[in-house]
Amino acid sequence: MWHSVQIEVDGSLVGAAVRQQNGVRFIATDVRVAELDQTLWPATADARQAAEQMVRTGHVRNFNPQSIED
């Protein structure tokens, strides 16, 4: 069973972080963070920070996550 955490920015749901063996996969539910969809992050906090930056500024500083495939 997978464990997931909702990611909200300013009260709006923008995605979910799904725990994987090698980190967390970000699943975007908001077009503002679509570029982050299916990216792999070391921890939920990293995915949340990236989503917050993307929503607020339109980009993520030092953005170089690993894309993963199902």
C-alpha atoms as a PDB file:
ATOM      1  CA  MET A   1       0.000   0.000   0.000  1.00  0.00           C
ATOM      2  CA  TRP A   2       1.334   3.411  -1.002  1.00  0.00           C
ATOM      3  CA  HIS A   3       1.379   6.320   1.405  1.00  0.00           C
ATOM      4  CA  SER A   4       0.536   9.730  -0.025  1.00  0.00           C
ATOM      5  CA  VAL A   5       0.403  13.264   1.312  1.00  0.00           C
ATOM      6  CA  GLN A   6      -1.632  16.091  -0.186  1.00  0.00           C
ATOM      7  CA  ILE A   7       0.389  19.132  -1.208  1.00  0.00           C
ATOM      8  CA  GLU A   8      -1.407  22.451  -0.809  1.00  0.00           C
ATOM      9  CA  VAL A   9      -0.186  25.942  -1.581  1.00  0.00           C
ATOM     10  CA  ASP A  10      -2.082  28.875  -0.100  1.00  0.00           C
ATOM     11  CA  GLY A  11      -5.022  26.590   0.656  1.00  0.00           C
ATOM     12  CA  SER A  12      -5.272  25.115  -2.858  1.00  0.00           C
ATOM     13  CA  LEU A  13      -4.539  21.466  -3.600  1.00  0.00           C
ATOM     14  CA  VAL A  14      -1.790  21.361  -6.226  1.00  0.00           C
ATOM     15  CA  GLY A  15      -0.693  17.734  -6.003  1.00  0.00           C
ATOM     16  CA  ALA A  16       0.286  14.765  -3.925  1.00  0.00           C
ATOM     17  CA  ALA A  17       3.560  13.254  -2.792  1.00  0.00           C
ATOM     18  CA  VAL A  18       3.526   9.467  -3.064  1.00  0.00           C
ATOM     19  CA  ARG A  19       6.179   7.553  -1.139  1.00  0.00           C
ATOM     20  CA  GLN A  20       8.389   5.349  -3.308  1.00  0.00           C
ATOM     21  CA  GLN A  21      11.359   3.179  -2.380  1.00  0.00           C
ATOM     22  CA  ASN A  22      13.806   5.862  -3.479  1.00  0.00           C
ATOM     23  CA  GLY A  23      11.974   9.034  -2.395  1.00  0.00           C
ATOM     24  CA  VAL A  24       8.603  10.580  -3.150  1.00  0.00           C
ATOM     25  CA  ARG A  25       6.926  11.006  -6.515  1.00  0.00           C
ATOM     26  CA  PHE A  26       5.060  14.268  -7.056  1.00  0.00           C
ATOM     27  CA  ILE A  27       1.707  13.914  -8.822  1.00  0.00           C
ATOM     28  CA  ALA A  28       0.441  17.273 -10.086  1.00  0.00           C
ATOM     29  CA  THR A  29      -3.267  18.088  -9.864  1.00  0.00           C
ATOM     30  CA  ASP A  30      -2.957  21.759 -10.820  1.00  0.00           C
ATOM     31  CA  VAL A  31      -1.775  23.121 -14.171  1.00  0.00           C
ATOM     32  CA  ARG A  32       0.480  25.636 -12.363  1.00  0.00           C
ATOM     33  CA  VAL A  33       2.728  22.762 -11.241  1.00  0.00           C
ATOM     34  CA  ALA A  34       2.321  20.489 -14.287  1.00  0.00           C
ATOM     35  CA  GLU A  35       6.057  20.718 -15.001  1.00  0.00           C
ATOM     36  CA  LEU A  36       6.667  18.910 -11.692  1.00  0.00           C
ATOM     37  CA  ASP A  37       4.344  15.986 -12.482  1.00  0.00           C
ATOM     38  CA  GLN A  38       5.995  12.566 -12.083  1.00  0.00           C
ATOM     39  CA  THR A  39       9.217  14.004 -10.645  1.00  0.00           C
ATOM     40  CA  LEU A  40      11.097  12.267  -7.866  1.00  0.00           C
ATOM     41  CA  TRP A  41      12.186  14.097  -4.710  1.00  0.00           C
ATOM     42  CA  PRO A  42      14.195  12.944  -1.687  1.00  0.00           C
ATOM     43  CA  ALA A  43      11.406  13.826   0.768  1.00  0.00           C
ATOM     44  CA  THR A  44       7.871  15.227   0.917  1.00  0.00           C
ATOM     45  CA  ALA A  45       9.228  18.547   2.203  1.00  0.00           C
ATOM     46  CA  ASP A  46      11.323  18.920  -0.968  1.00  0.00           C
ATOM     47  CA  ALA A  47       8.326  18.269  -3.222  1.00  0.00           C
ATOM     48  CA  ARG A  48       6.232  20.728  -1.217  1.00  0.00           C
ATOM     49  CA  GLN A  49       8.917  23.413  -1.423  1.00  0.00           C
ATOM     50  CA  ALA A  50       9.230  22.957  -5.188  1.00  0.00           C
ATOM     51  CA  ALA A  51       5.444  23.205  -5.639  1.00  0.00           C
ATOM     52  CA  GLU A  52       5.317  26.367  -3.520  1.00  0.00           C
ATOM     53  CA  GLN A  53       8.105  27.973  -5.542  1.00  0.00           C
ATOM     54  CA  MET A  54       6.473  26.992  -8.841  1.00  0.00           C
ATOM     55  CA  VAL A  55       3.093  28.452  -7.839  1.00  0.00           C
ATOM     56  CA  ARG A  56       4.526  31.671  -6.418  1.00  0.00           C
ATOM     57  CA  THR A  57       7.269  32.438  -8.948  1.00  0.00           C
ATOM     58  CA  GLY A  58       6.582  30.267 -12.001  1.00  0.00           C
ATOM     59  CA  HIS A  59       9.845  28.358 -11.662  1.00  0.00           C
ATOM     60  CA  VAL A  60      11.881  26.307  -9.217  1.00  0.00           C
ATOM     61  CA  ARG A  61      15.389  27.413  -8.367  1.00  0.00           C
ATOM     62  CA  ASN A  62      17.973  24.689  -9.110  1.00  0.00           C
ATOM     63  CA  PHE A  63      15.236  22.523 -10.654  1.00  0.00           C
ATOM     64  CA  ASN A  64      16.768  19.225 -11.671  1.00  0.00           C
ATOM     65  CA  PRO A  65      14.659  16.397 -10.233  1.00  0.00           C
ATOM     66  CA  GLN A  66      14.735  12.918 -11.627  1.00  0.00           C
ATOM     67  CA  SER A  67      11.751  12.012 -13.807  1.00  0.00           C
ATOM     68  CA  ILE A  68      10.452   8.519 -13.199  1.00  0.00           C
ATOM     69  CA  GLU A  69       8.273   6.160 -15.157  1.00  0.00           C
ATOM     70  CA  ASP A  70       5.695   3.715 -13.845  1.00  0.00           C
END
